[in-house]
Amino acid sequence: MIKNDLTDLNELLLVLMEECAEVQVEASKLMRFPENSSEKLEKEIGDLMYMVEVLHQWDLVSFTKIDEQMTRKHEKLKKYSHFMGETNEGLGV
């Protein structure tokens, strides 16, 4: 175990921030190098999703509220982002 002066909560939040940053790095690498596989991005998203699970276990976040926010974000993206439209590149349409 690593010794540091962080409280458990601060260490949890710090690891969460690190995982967010790692997702950001892998997403930017896919933009720069589109020939790369998305496996590293999937790994980092999995790590981030696990940290969200831990936040839930600690009662710091609510899955119900997260789901509600996901719905709001979906509606906002449909309105303002072309990648959510009928002719987005990801679906090859």
Protein backbone atom coordinates (compact mmCIF):
# COMPACT_ATOMS: atom_id res chain seq x y z
CA MET A 1 0.00 0.00 0.00
CA ILE A 2 1.23 3.48 -0.86
CA LYS A 3 1.68 5.88 2.03
CA ASN A 4 0.36 9.41 1.57
CA ASP A 5 -1.37 12.10 3.58
CA LEU A 6 -4.62 11.94 1.61
CA THR A 7 -7.87 11.06 3.29
CA ASP A 8 -9.66 8.07 1.79
CA LEU A 9 -12.18 10.41 0.14
CA ASN A 10 -9.47 12.62 -1.34
CA GLU A 11 -7.60 9.59 -2.66
CA LEU A 12 -10.81 8.26 -4.22
CA LEU A 13 -11.46 11.59 -5.91
CA LEU A 14 -7.85 11.85 -7.07
CA VAL A 15 -8.00 8.40 -8.69
CA LEU A 16 -11.28 9.43 -10.34
CA MET A 17 -9.56 12.52 -11.78
CA GLU A 18 -6.65 10.42 -13.01
CA GLU A 19 -9.02 8.01 -14.77
CA CYS A 20 -10.86 10.92 -16.41
CA ALA A 21 -7.53 12.24 -17.67
CA GLU A 22 -6.56 8.83 -19.05
CA VAL A 23 -9.83 8.62 -21.00
CA GLN A 24 -9.10 12.09 -22.36
CA VAL A 25 -5.61 11.05 -23.47
CA GLU A 26 -6.84 7.93 -25.28
CA ALA A 27 -9.65 9.86 -26.99
CA SER A 28 -7.18 12.44 -28.24
CA LYS A 29 -4.86 9.70 -29.49
CA LEU A 30 -7.71 8.24 -31.54
CA MET A 31 -8.27 11.66 -33.08
CA ARG A 32 -4.59 12.02 -33.94
CA PHE A 33 -4.09 8.42 -35.03
CA PRO A 34 -7.43 7.15 -36.43
CA GLU A 35 -5.78 3.90 -37.51
CA ASN A 36 -5.30 2.98 -33.83
CA SER A 37 -7.56 0.44 -32.20
CA SER A 38 -10.06 1.63 -29.61
CA GLU A 39 -8.93 -1.07 -27.15
CA LYS A 40 -6.97 1.36 -24.96
CA LEU A 41 -9.94 3.72 -24.88
CA GLU A 42 -12.19 0.83 -23.85
CA LYS A 43 -9.77 -0.11 -21.06
CA GLU A 44 -9.66 3.44 -19.73
CA ILE A 45 -13.44 3.84 -19.93
CA GLY A 46 -13.78 0.57 -18.02
CA ASP A 47 -11.44 1.90 -15.33
CA LEU A 48 -13.48 5.12 -15.16
CA MET A 49 -16.78 3.24 -14.97
CA TYR A 50 -15.41 1.19 -12.08
CA MET A 51 -14.54 4.40 -10.25
CA VAL A 52 -18.12 5.60 -10.76
CA GLU A 53 -19.24 2.30 -9.21
CA VAL A 54 -17.00 2.97 -6.20
CA LEU A 55 -18.42 6.49 -5.88
CA HIS A 56 -21.88 4.91 -5.82
CA GLN A 57 -20.81 2.39 -3.17
CA TRP A 58 -19.59 5.30 -1.05
CA ASP A 59 -22.99 7.02 -1.55
CA LEU A 60 -21.29 9.96 -3.23
CA VAL A 61 -23.32 9.61 -6.44
CA SER A 62 -26.75 8.26 -7.27
CA PHE A 63 -27.23 6.00 -10.28
CA THR A 64 -30.78 7.38 -10.56
CA LYS A 65 -29.49 10.94 -10.82
CA ILE A 66 -26.76 9.86 -13.23
CA ASP A 67 -29.37 8.17 -15.45
CA GLU A 68 -31.49 11.34 -15.36
CA GLN A 69 -28.47 13.40 -16.42
CA MET A 70 -27.68 10.92 -19.20
CA THR A 71 -31.19 11.43 -20.57
CA ARG A 72 -30.78 15.22 -20.43
CA LYS A 73 -27.41 14.97 -22.18
CA HIS A 74 -28.87 12.69 -24.86
CA GLU A 75 -31.59 15.23 -25.64
CA LYS A 76 -29.09 18.10 -25.70
CA LEU A 77 -26.76 16.21 -28.04
CA LYS A 78 -29.64 15.37 -30.38
CA LYS A 79 -30.37 19.07 -30.60
CA TYR A 80 -26.85 20.48 -30.88
CA SER A 81 -24.49 17.75 -32.17
CA HIS A 82 -24.37 16.44 -35.70
CA PHE A 83 -22.98 13.05 -34.57
CA MET A 84 -26.36 12.25 -33.02
CA GLY A 85 -28.23 12.92 -36.26
CA GLU A 86 -29.48 10.52 -38.90
CA THR A 87 -26.35 10.83 -41.04
CA ASN A 88 -23.58 10.53 -38.44
CA GLU A 89 -20.24 9.08 -39.50
CA GLY A 90 -20.14 6.45 -36.72
CA LEU A 91 -23.10 4.56 -38.15
CA GLY A 92 -21.76 4.67 -41.67
CA VAL A 93 -25.05 6.13 -42.93
